[in-house]
Amino acid sequence: MQKYLWLFSGKRPCVYFKAERDNGTGAINYFLLYEIGTFDVDIPIGVSLKLGETWYNLKKTNTDYSDTIIVTSALTQEMLPKIGENQNITISYTNRKETINFQLNGDQTAKFQSNLSKLIRVIESEPKLNINKR
């Protein structure tokens, strides 16, 4: 498995963010997606984030098996500001065979934080969808 992690580039392995709004309640859920570069024959266990000196085991919400594997993990509301505040971020992927840690460099950390910040601004500025029945 490749030991370099891409951020939002379309190359694999890469990580990126996703957000979903519940139109009924207005609640927003944020996710970190880890896309594996090749079809991993070992079953994915999950993804963790190290923010500063603290590790956070992310709750795996979905694993999509297609031409590659995409592990979707939930981010808690408490983690969002911590991601933006920390300059020391490590992303860890674990399968049944091994754990691979990716220490983000300064440029990667800035890009990681910027993309999350942009996603938060966009999803929170979107109005609630109104459905009119006829």
Protein backbone atom coordinates (compact mmCIF):
# COMPACT_ATOMS: atom_id res chain seq x y z
CA MET A 1 0.00 0.00 0.00
CA GLN A 2 1.23 3.49 -0.83
CA LYS A 3 2.71 5.35 2.16
CA TYR A 4 1.82 8.84 0.93
CA LEU A 5 -1.66 10.30 1.46
CA TRP A 6 -3.25 12.73 -0.99
CA LEU A 7 -5.67 15.39 0.17
CA PHE A 8 -8.67 16.04 -2.08
CA SER A 9 -6.70 15.46 -5.27
CA GLY A 10 -8.48 12.56 -6.92
CA LYS A 11 -5.31 10.49 -6.62
CA ARG A 12 -5.40 7.57 -4.23
CA PRO A 13 -5.14 6.97 -1.34
CA CYS A 14 -6.82 10.23 -0.38
CA VAL A 15 -9.03 11.79 2.24
CA TYR A 16 -11.81 14.30 1.86
CA PHE A 17 -14.82 15.64 3.74
CA LYS A 18 -18.54 15.30 3.21
CA ALA A 19 -21.50 16.89 5.00
CA GLU A 20 -25.19 15.97 5.06
CA ARG A 21 -28.11 18.03 6.33
CA ASP A 22 -31.22 16.37 7.70
CA ASN A 23 -33.93 18.47 6.08
CA GLY A 24 -36.46 17.61 8.78
CA THR A 25 -34.39 18.64 11.79
CA GLY A 26 -31.76 20.82 10.16
CA ALA A 27 -29.01 18.80 11.85
CA ILE A 28 -25.73 18.63 9.95
CA ASN A 29 -23.47 15.58 10.05
CA TYR A 30 -19.84 15.74 8.93
CA PHE A 31 -17.78 12.83 7.64
CA LEU A 32 -14.18 12.06 6.77
CA LEU A 33 -13.83 9.75 3.78
CA TYR A 34 -10.69 7.69 3.28
CA GLU A 35 -10.39 6.29 -0.24
CA ILE A 36 -7.94 3.43 -0.66
CA GLY A 37 -5.66 3.46 -3.69
CA THR A 38 -5.92 -0.19 -4.62
CA PHE A 39 -8.44 -2.84 -3.78
CA ASP A 40 -7.33 -3.82 -0.29
CA VAL A 41 -7.81 -7.53 0.33
CA ASP A 42 -7.62 -7.01 4.10
CA ILE A 43 -10.87 -5.90 5.73
CA PRO A 44 -10.79 -2.21 6.78
CA ILE A 45 -11.12 -1.66 10.51
CA GLY A 46 -11.32 2.13 10.55
CA VAL A 47 -9.75 5.55 10.53
CA SER A 48 -8.40 7.61 13.43
CA LEU A 49 -7.28 11.21 13.73
CA LYS A 50 -4.53 12.50 15.98
CA LEU A 51 -5.09 16.17 16.74
CA GLY A 52 -2.20 17.56 18.74
CA GLU A 53 -1.38 14.80 21.21
CA THR A 54 -4.88 13.27 21.36
CA TRP A 55 -6.07 10.33 19.26
CA TYR A 56 -9.73 10.15 18.17
CA ASN A 57 -11.09 6.84 16.90
CA LEU A 58 -13.71 7.79 14.33
CA LYS A 59 -16.96 5.86 14.17
CA LYS A 60 -17.09 4.03 10.85
CA THR A 61 -20.50 4.67 9.27
CA ASN A 62 -20.04 3.02 5.88
CA THR A 63 -17.62 1.04 3.77
CA ASP A 64 -18.21 1.26 0.02
CA TYR A 65 -16.71 -1.59 -2.00
CA SER A 66 -16.44 -0.66 -5.66
CA ASP A 67 -13.32 -0.31 -7.81
CA THR A 68 -11.67 0.96 -4.62
CA ILE A 69 -12.76 0.94 -0.98
CA ILE A 70 -14.09 4.12 0.62
CA VAL A 71 -14.29 4.13 4.40
CA THR A 72 -16.69 6.80 5.69
CA SER A 73 -16.25 7.91 9.30
CA ALA A 74 -18.31 10.36 11.35
CA LEU A 75 -16.77 13.53 12.75
CA THR A 76 -18.31 14.82 15.98
CA GLN A 77 -19.23 18.48 16.45
CA GLU A 78 -16.58 18.66 19.20
CA MET A 79 -13.85 17.59 16.77
CA LEU A 80 -14.53 20.24 14.12
CA PRO A 81 -12.93 23.20 15.96
CA LYS A 82 -10.06 20.98 17.13
CA ILE A 83 -9.23 20.13 13.51
CA GLY A 84 -9.03 23.85 12.73
CA GLU A 85 -6.88 24.66 15.78
CA ASN A 86 -4.20 21.96 15.58
CA GLN A 87 -1.05 22.23 13.52
CA ASN A 88 -0.10 18.62 14.30
CA ILE A 89 -2.53 16.29 12.49
CA THR A 90 -2.05 12.60 11.79
CA ILE A 91 -4.49 10.39 9.89
CA SER A 92 -4.34 6.68 10.64
CA TYR A 93 -5.89 3.88 8.58
CA THR A 94 -6.14 0.36 9.99
CA ASN A 95 -7.07 -2.88 8.31
CA ARG A 96 -6.75 -6.39 9.72
CA LYS A 97 -3.14 -6.60 8.53
CA GLU A 98 -1.58 -3.22 9.37
CA THR A 99 -1.96 0.35 10.55
CA ILE A 100 -0.63 3.16 8.37
CA ASN A 101 -0.09 6.62 9.86
CA PHE A 102 0.07 9.73 7.69
CA GLN A 103 1.60 12.75 9.44
CA LEU A 104 0.38 15.83 7.55
CA ASN A 105 3.01 18.42 6.69
CA GLY A 106 2.33 22.16 7.02
CA ASP A 107 0.84 22.59 3.54
CA GLN A 108 -1.31 19.49 3.90
CA THR A 109 -2.56 20.62 7.32
CA ALA A 110 -3.50 24.04 5.94
CA LYS A 111 -5.32 22.46 2.99
CA PHE A 112 -7.09 19.95 5.28
CA GLN A 113 -8.28 22.74 7.58
CA SER A 114 -9.23 25.05 4.71
CA ASN A 115 -11.35 22.44 2.96
CA LEU A 116 -13.22 21.60 6.16
CA SER A 117 -13.78 25.30 6.84
CA LYS A 118 -15.14 25.85 3.30
CA LEU A 119 -17.45 22.84 3.62
CA ILE A 120 -18.81 24.12 6.95
CA ARG A 121 -19.46 27.59 5.48
CA VAL A 122 -21.22 26.18 2.41
CA ILE A 123 -23.44 23.66 4.22
CA GLU A 124 -24.42 26.13 6.95
CA SER A 125 -25.29 28.85 4.41
CA GLU A 126 -27.59 26.58 2.41
CA PRO A 127 -31.25 27.20 3.21
CA LYS A 128 -33.52 24.39 4.32
CA LEU A 129 -35.25 22.73 1.38
CA ASN A 130 -38.96 23.56 1.28
CA ILE A 131 -41.23 20.92 -0.20
CA ASN A 132 -44.65 22.13 -1.26
CA LYS A 133 -47.42 19.60 -1.75
CA ARG A 134 -49.99 20.21 -4.44
